[in-house]
Protein backbone atom coordinates (compact mmCIF):
# COMPACT_ATOMS: atom_id res chain seq x y z
CA MET A 1 -44.23 35.82 19.76
CA SER A 2 -47.52 35.36 17.98
CA SER A 3 -47.43 34.43 14.31
CA THR A 4 -49.50 37.55 13.62
CA GLU A 5 -46.94 40.04 14.93
CA LEU A 6 -44.88 40.26 11.77
CA PRO A 7 -45.40 43.22 9.43
CA SER A 8 -48.26 42.74 7.02
CA VAL A 9 -47.69 41.95 3.36
CA PRO A 10 -49.29 43.59 0.33
CA ALA A 11 -52.89 42.65 -0.37
CA ALA A 12 -53.34 39.94 -2.97
CA ASN A 13 -54.98 42.33 -5.42
CA VAL A 14 -51.87 44.55 -5.60
CA LEU A 15 -49.23 41.83 -5.81
CA PRO A 16 -46.89 41.94 -8.82
CA LYS A 17 -47.57 39.63 -11.73
CA VAL A 18 -45.24 36.62 -11.82
CA THR A 19 -44.68 33.65 -14.09
CA PRO A 20 -47.70 31.31 -14.07
CA VAL A 21 -47.49 28.18 -11.94
CA ARG A 22 -46.61 25.06 -13.88
CA VAL A 23 -49.50 22.68 -14.54
CA ALA A 24 -48.44 19.21 -15.66
CA GLU A 25 -50.14 17.38 -18.49
CA GLY A 26 -53.48 16.02 -17.34
CA GLU A 27 -53.71 18.38 -14.37
CA ARG A 28 -56.07 21.27 -13.78
CA LEU A 29 -55.65 24.29 -11.52
CA ARG A 30 -58.51 26.37 -10.18
CA SER A 31 -59.01 29.09 -7.60
CA VAL A 32 -61.53 28.73 -4.78
CA GLY A 33 -62.67 31.77 -2.82
CA LEU A 34 -63.58 31.15 0.83
CA PRO A 35 -64.11 33.47 3.82
CA GLY A 36 -60.77 35.15 4.51
CA ILE A 37 -58.76 33.01 2.09
CA THR A 38 -58.40 32.09 -1.56
CA LEU A 39 -57.05 28.62 -2.29
CA SER A 40 -55.47 27.26 -5.45
CA VAL A 41 -56.50 23.64 -6.00
CA ARG A 42 -54.75 21.17 -8.33
CA SER A 43 -56.58 18.11 -9.60
CA ARG A 44 -56.56 15.29 -12.12
CA PRO A 45 -59.72 14.00 -13.77
CA PRO A 46 -60.52 10.63 -12.16
CA ALA A 47 -60.11 7.51 -14.26
CA ARG A 48 -63.85 6.89 -13.91
CA GLU A 49 -66.91 8.33 -12.23
CA GLY A 50 -67.73 7.49 -8.65
CA LEU A 51 -64.22 7.15 -7.24
CA PRO A 52 -63.85 8.22 -3.60
CA PRO A 53 -62.44 11.74 -3.08
CA ALA A 54 -58.96 12.49 -1.76
CA LEU A 55 -57.24 15.67 -0.60
CA TYR A 56 -53.47 16.17 -0.43
CA VAL A 57 -51.81 18.77 1.86
CA HIS A 58 -48.17 19.80 1.34
CA GLY A 59 -45.41 20.76 3.77
CA LEU A 60 -43.64 23.99 4.74
CA GLY A 61 -42.46 25.81 1.63
CA GLY A 62 -44.13 23.21 -0.57
CA SER A 63 -47.12 23.30 -2.86
CA SER A 64 -49.72 21.09 -4.46
CA GLN A 65 -47.10 20.11 -7.04
CA ASN A 66 -45.43 17.97 -4.36
CA TRP A 67 -48.27 15.48 -4.84
CA SER A 68 -48.38 15.33 -8.65
CA ALA A 69 -46.57 12.00 -8.93
CA LEU A 70 -48.67 10.26 -6.27
CA MET A 71 -51.93 11.70 -7.63
CA LEU A 72 -51.03 10.24 -11.02
CA GLU A 73 -50.22 6.87 -9.45
CA LEU A 74 -53.55 6.79 -7.61
CA GLU A 75 -55.85 8.26 -10.26
CA SER A 76 -57.41 4.85 -10.92
CA VAL A 77 -58.61 4.51 -7.31
CA LEU A 78 -59.06 8.10 -6.07
CA ASP A 79 -60.61 11.33 -7.29
CA GLY A 80 -57.74 13.47 -6.07
CA GLU A 81 -57.26 17.16 -5.36
CA ALA A 82 -54.21 18.87 -3.87
CA VAL A 83 -54.49 22.23 -2.16
CA ASP A 84 -52.00 25.10 -1.96
CA LEU A 85 -52.17 26.29 1.64
CA PRO A 86 -52.59 30.09 2.07
CA GLY A 87 -49.39 31.90 1.10
CA PHE A 88 -47.90 28.87 -0.71
CA GLY A 89 -47.94 27.66 -4.28
CA ASP A 90 -50.44 29.80 -6.17
CA SER A 91 -52.57 30.71 -3.12
CA PRO A 92 -52.30 34.32 -1.90
CA PRO A 93 -51.73 35.12 1.79
CA PRO A 94 -54.68 34.82 4.19
CA ASP A 95 -56.47 38.07 4.94
CA ASP A 96 -55.64 37.88 8.66
CA GLY A 97 -51.96 36.90 8.26
CA ASP A 98 -52.49 33.83 10.47
CA TYR A 99 -50.26 30.89 9.48
CA SER A 100 -50.69 28.80 12.61
CA ILE A 101 -51.40 25.07 12.43
CA THR A 102 -54.94 25.87 13.54
CA ALA A 103 -55.34 28.43 10.74
CA HIS A 104 -54.04 26.01 8.09
CA ALA A 105 -56.37 23.30 9.46
CA ARG A 106 -59.23 25.79 9.37
CA ALA A 107 -58.46 26.48 5.70
CA VAL A 108 -58.60 22.76 4.89
CA ILE A 109 -61.85 22.34 6.82
CA ARG A 110 -63.45 25.34 5.13
CA PHE A 111 -62.50 23.96 1.73
CA LEU A 112 -63.88 20.50 2.52
CA ASP A 113 -67.09 21.92 3.98
CA ALA A 114 -67.58 24.19 0.97
CA SER A 115 -66.82 21.47 -1.59
CA GLY A 116 -69.07 18.89 0.02
CA ARG A 117 -66.58 16.17 -0.94
CA GLY A 118 -66.04 14.79 2.54
CA PRO A 119 -65.31 12.37 3.95
CA VAL A 120 -62.06 12.21 1.98
CA HIS A 121 -58.92 10.15 1.99
CA LEU A 122 -56.67 12.82 3.53
CA PHE A 123 -52.93 12.91 2.81
CA GLY A 124 -50.40 15.18 4.54
CA ASN A 125 -46.64 15.63 4.35
CA SER A 126 -44.59 17.21 7.15
CA LEU A 127 -46.31 20.50 8.11
CA GLY A 128 -49.26 19.20 6.10
CA GLY A 129 -49.10 16.05 8.22
CA ALA A 130 -49.54 18.10 11.40
CA VAL A 131 -52.37 20.04 9.78
CA SER A 132 -54.07 16.83 8.59
CA THR A 133 -53.72 15.25 12.04
CA ARG A 134 -55.55 18.19 13.57
CA VAL A 135 -58.26 18.09 10.90
CA ALA A 136 -58.80 14.35 11.45
CA ALA A 137 -58.96 14.82 15.23
CA VAL A 138 -61.44 17.68 15.33
CA ARG A 139 -63.55 16.80 12.27
CA PRO A 140 -63.66 13.01 11.99
CA ASP A 141 -66.73 13.35 9.78
CA LEU A 142 -64.50 14.80 7.03
CA VAL A 143 -61.81 12.09 7.00
CA ARG A 144 -62.22 8.56 5.66
CA THR A 145 -58.57 7.54 5.97
CA LEU A 146 -55.44 9.45 6.92
CA THR A 147 -52.06 9.01 5.21
CA LEU A 148 -49.12 10.86 6.76
CA VAL A 149 -45.72 11.12 5.09
CA SER A 150 -43.07 12.25 7.59
CA PRO A 151 -45.60 14.21 9.67
CA ALA A 152 -44.17 17.15 11.61
CA LEU A 153 -45.24 16.06 15.09
CA PRO A 154 -43.36 17.24 18.19
CA GLU A 155 -39.95 15.72 18.91
CA ILE A 156 -38.08 16.07 22.19
CA ARG A 157 -34.69 15.79 20.48
CA VAL A 158 -34.83 17.59 17.14
CA GLN A 159 -32.32 16.43 14.54
CA ARG A 160 -29.41 18.81 14.04
CA SER A 161 -30.17 19.03 10.31
CA ALA A 162 -33.69 20.30 11.12
CA VAL A 163 -32.49 23.17 13.33
CA PRO A 164 -32.06 25.74 10.51
CA THR A 165 -35.70 25.26 9.49
CA ALA A 166 -36.85 25.67 13.09
CA LEU A 167 -34.74 28.82 13.42
CA LEU A 168 -36.96 30.50 10.82
CA ALA A 169 -39.42 30.89 13.69
CA VAL A 170 -37.00 33.14 15.61
CA PRO A 171 -37.70 36.86 15.06
CA GLY A 172 -35.15 38.42 12.71
CA VAL A 173 -33.62 35.18 11.45
CA ALA A 174 -35.55 35.14 8.17
CA ALA A 175 -34.52 38.72 7.42
CA LEU A 176 -30.91 37.91 8.26
CA PHE A 177 -30.94 34.81 6.09
CA THR A 178 -32.48 36.79 3.23
CA ARG A 179 -29.62 39.31 3.41
CA LEU A 180 -26.93 36.63 3.68
CA SER A 181 -28.34 34.62 0.79
CA ARG A 182 -29.31 37.45 -1.54
CA ASP A 183 -26.63 36.46 -4.05
CA TRP A 184 -27.63 32.81 -4.19
CA THR A 185 -29.07 31.70 -7.50
CA ALA A 186 -32.32 29.79 -7.73
CA GLU A 187 -30.29 26.76 -8.83
CA GLN A 188 -28.15 26.92 -5.68
CA ARG A 189 -31.24 27.14 -3.49
CA VAL A 190 -32.83 24.17 -5.25
CA ARG A 191 -29.71 22.04 -4.83
CA GLY A 192 -29.59 22.86 -1.12
CA VAL A 193 -33.23 22.04 -0.46
CA THR A 194 -33.07 18.90 -2.60
CA ALA A 195 -30.07 17.68 -0.59
CA LEU A 196 -32.02 18.35 2.61
CA CYS A 197 -35.31 16.75 1.57
CA TYR A 198 -34.26 13.74 -0.51
CA GLY A 199 -32.63 10.57 0.70
CA ASP A 200 -31.02 10.36 -2.75
CA PRO A 201 -31.02 13.68 -4.66
CA THR A 202 -30.01 11.88 -7.87
CA ARG A 203 -33.59 10.62 -8.10
CA VAL A 204 -34.58 14.08 -9.34
CA SER A 205 -34.54 13.97 -13.13
CA PRO A 206 -32.84 16.76 -15.12
CA GLU A 207 -36.25 17.93 -16.33
CA GLY A 208 -37.59 17.82 -12.80
CA PHE A 209 -34.65 19.87 -11.52
CA ARG A 210 -35.22 22.46 -14.25
CA HIS A 211 -38.88 22.76 -13.30
CA ALA A 212 -37.87 23.21 -9.66
CA VAL A 213 -35.50 26.04 -10.55
CA GLU A 214 -38.22 27.75 -12.56
CA GLU A 215 -40.61 27.45 -9.62
CA MET A 216 -38.00 28.84 -7.22
CA GLU A 217 -37.44 31.81 -9.53
CA ARG A 218 -41.18 32.42 -9.59
CA ARG A 219 -41.52 32.27 -5.81
CA GLN A 220 -38.64 34.64 -5.22
CA GLN A 221 -40.65 37.31 -7.02
CA LEU A 222 -43.47 37.05 -4.48
CA PRO A 223 -43.13 39.69 -1.74
CA TYR A 224 -44.81 37.43 0.82
CA PHE A 225 -42.65 34.33 0.19
CA TRP A 226 -40.45 34.64 3.30
CA ASP A 227 -43.31 36.02 5.36
CA ALA A 228 -45.37 32.88 4.70
CA MET A 229 -42.37 30.65 5.42
CA THR A 230 -41.50 32.46 8.65
CA ARG A 231 -45.02 32.62 10.04
CA SER A 232 -45.73 28.98 9.18
CA ALA A 233 -42.46 27.86 10.80
CA ARG A 234 -43.37 29.88 13.87
CA GLY A 235 -46.86 28.39 13.86
CA LEU A 236 -45.37 24.89 13.76
CA VAL A 237 -42.99 25.61 16.65
CA ASN A 238 -45.85 27.13 18.64
CA ALA A 239 -47.94 24.01 18.03
CA TYR A 240 -45.11 21.88 19.42
CA THR A 241 -45.44 23.69 22.75
CA LEU A 242 -49.21 23.36 23.16
CA GLY A 243 -50.49 21.12 25.91
CA GLY A 244 -53.85 19.69 26.83
CA GLN A 245 -56.42 18.73 24.23
CA HIS A 246 -54.71 20.86 21.56
CA ALA A 247 -51.37 19.03 21.83
CA LEU A 248 -50.62 17.34 18.51
CA TRP A 249 -49.77 13.94 20.01
CA ARG A 250 -52.94 14.08 22.10
CA GLN A 251 -54.88 14.82 18.94
CA ALA A 252 -53.14 11.95 17.16
CA GLU A 253 -54.53 9.64 19.83
CA ARG A 254 -58.03 10.93 19.08
CA VAL A 255 -57.93 10.21 15.34
CA LEU A 256 -60.60 7.66 14.48
CA ALA A 257 -59.73 7.17 10.81
CA PRO A 258 -57.50 4.26 9.76
CA THR A 259 -54.02 5.76 9.35
CA LEU A 260 -51.11 4.90 7.07
CA LEU A 261 -47.77 6.25 8.34
CA VAL A 262 -44.82 6.64 5.97
CA TYR A 263 -41.33 7.37 7.34
CA GLY A 264 -38.00 7.65 5.55
CA GLY A 265 -34.78 6.28 7.04
CA ARG A 266 -32.75 9.17 5.59
CA ASP A 267 -35.15 11.92 6.63
CA GLN A 268 -33.15 14.93 7.85
CA LEU A 269 -36.17 16.90 9.06
CA VAL A 270 -38.39 14.39 10.87
CA GLY A 271 -36.64 11.77 12.98
CA TYR A 272 -37.03 8.19 11.75
CA ARG A 273 -37.16 7.17 15.42
CA MET A 274 -40.58 8.89 15.66
CA ALA A 275 -42.16 6.19 13.51
CA ARG A 276 -42.71 3.84 16.45
CA LYS A 277 -44.21 6.59 18.62
CA ALA A 278 -46.57 7.51 15.79
CA ALA A 279 -47.56 3.87 15.30
CA ARG A 280 -48.44 3.67 19.01
CA SER A 281 -50.28 6.99 19.07
CA PHE A 282 -52.64 6.59 16.11
CA ARG A 283 -55.10 3.96 17.31
CA ASP A 284 -55.67 2.23 13.94
CA SER A 285 -52.37 2.57 12.11
CA ARG A 286 -50.12 0.81 9.62
CA LEU A 287 -46.47 1.75 9.20
CA LEU A 288 -44.47 1.87 5.98
CA SER A 289 -40.74 2.30 6.60
CA LEU A 290 -38.57 3.25 3.64
CA PRO A 291 -34.91 3.06 4.72
CA GLU A 292 -33.58 4.87 1.63
CA ALA A 293 -36.18 7.65 1.51
CA GLY A 294 -35.84 11.16 2.83
CA HIS A 295 -38.49 13.68 3.85
CA VAL A 296 -40.70 13.47 0.75
CA ALA A 297 -41.20 9.76 0.11
CA MET A 298 -44.27 10.45 -2.05
CA MET A 299 -41.96 12.26 -4.46
CA GLU A 300 -38.97 9.91 -4.26
CA TYR A 301 -40.92 6.65 -4.30
CA PRO A 302 -44.45 7.42 -5.55
CA ASP A 303 -44.91 3.88 -6.87
CA THR A 304 -44.01 2.34 -3.51
CA VAL A 305 -46.24 4.71 -1.56
CA SER A 306 -49.05 4.14 -4.04
CA ARG A 307 -48.77 0.37 -3.70
CA ALA A 308 -48.80 0.65 0.09
CA PHE A 309 -51.90 2.86 -0.01
CA ARG A 310 -53.74 0.43 -2.29
CA GLU A 311 -52.97 -2.41 0.12
CA PHE A 312 -54.06 -0.15 2.99
CA LEU A 313 -57.40 0.45 1.25
CA ALA A 314 -57.93 -3.25 0.71
CA ASP A 315 -56.96 -4.01 4.31
CA THR A 316 -59.26 -1.42 5.87
CA GLY A 317 -62.15 -1.76 3.43
CA SER A 318 -62.16 2.03 3.07
CA SER A 319 -62.47 2.24 -0.70
CA GLY A 320 -66.26 2.36 -0.78
CA ASP A 321 -68.68 5.18 -0.09
CA GLY A 322 -68.60 4.75 3.68
CA GLY A 323 -67.47 7.65 5.80
CA GLY A 324 -65.84 8.68 9.01
CA SER A 325 -67.50 9.38 12.29
CA ALA A 326 -70.78 11.21 12.07
CA GLY A 327 -69.94 14.29 14.10
CA ALA A 328 -67.31 16.87 14.91
CA SER A 329 -65.48 16.60 18.20
CA GLY A 330 -65.67 19.00 21.12
CA ASP A 331 -62.94 21.43 20.09
CA GLU A 332 -64.14 21.79 16.50
CA ALA A 333 -64.86 25.45 17.19
CA SER A 334 -61.18 26.16 17.78
CA VAL A 335 -60.40 25.11 14.20
CA SER A 336 -63.45 25.10 11.99
CA ALA A 337 -64.89 28.40 13.11
CA GLY A 338 -63.22 30.84 12.20
CA ALA A 339 -37.20 9.24 -9.98
CA SER A 340 -40.01 11.33 -11.15
CA ASP A 341 -40.45 14.65 -12.91
CA SER A 342 -42.84 15.85 -10.25
CA ALA A 343 -39.85 15.53 -7.93
CA ALA A 344 -39.22 18.99 -9.31
CA GLU A 345 -40.95 20.45 -6.31
CA ALA A 346 -38.29 19.11 -3.96
CA ALA A 347 -37.03 22.66 -4.14
CA SER A 348 -40.03 23.67 -2.07
CA ALA A 349 -40.78 20.59 -0.05
CA GLY A 350 -39.45 22.15 3.15
CA SER A 351 -40.66 20.84 6.49
């Protein structure tokens, strides 16, 4: 079933007012209007002028807050921005209701084209990793380096613990789950998602857990919350079945940008065994394996990921003003046309 066959959700201009999104000290949040979408963008002022730009893309059910800790760690070397994909975080649903990988990639490309900040150091986690892979493959001119944390690329044998997330793509399952879980508190939901996404849930501080509960309470007030989750999960499953030049692993092989791959040994959503396949597929790659990490290593171990990225920059010589390839690839039209407190967002890290 197409990801556009679900009932439509209320237009953004008639959505109920909810609690404002949390903005950590030193962060800024702004809204960017683009054709067919409005994106919320989180940023930190760079430590100094002239730093190379970076863009961070979150996973299924996540938000730009998933990157707060890493953005802080890297503020001395990058001018970072983190985007809320359409329907997530503080971004309203897309006008066309399309949550496919292609649509999310198109949103990222539109933002980068409009901002004029490319080529950027592009970061993606899980679903955002699949989206970023597609962006890097079809628009190499926009990507200076690519950093993927547990990217959601197709697996032949999906882990049993990842099956419930995949089942969101099945028609009727989201509605059934909503009915079955209607009595769950926001705290219960946060504990469940934290246990799924973290290698060690105790790394979430009490303050971080409280912030996650507050964010979950806010999201549950949004009438499109499950719609965005369901359609995006379906879009991810659909992308797993694509063949030819649009297949995600085929696109991984086409990425020209130097790539840093980060995999967690305790990841319950993306198989640790996929690290070697990814290292073979991305032509210019480095692999960081974190045996104790789960699905969101940038939240569990932001200092370790930051250190690895800095070494990656030094190794590749990608910290200057140089850029990626000078042109978009042939199928650009299919996409571009149309222990930290910020661990709080584990509650929404998803897949």
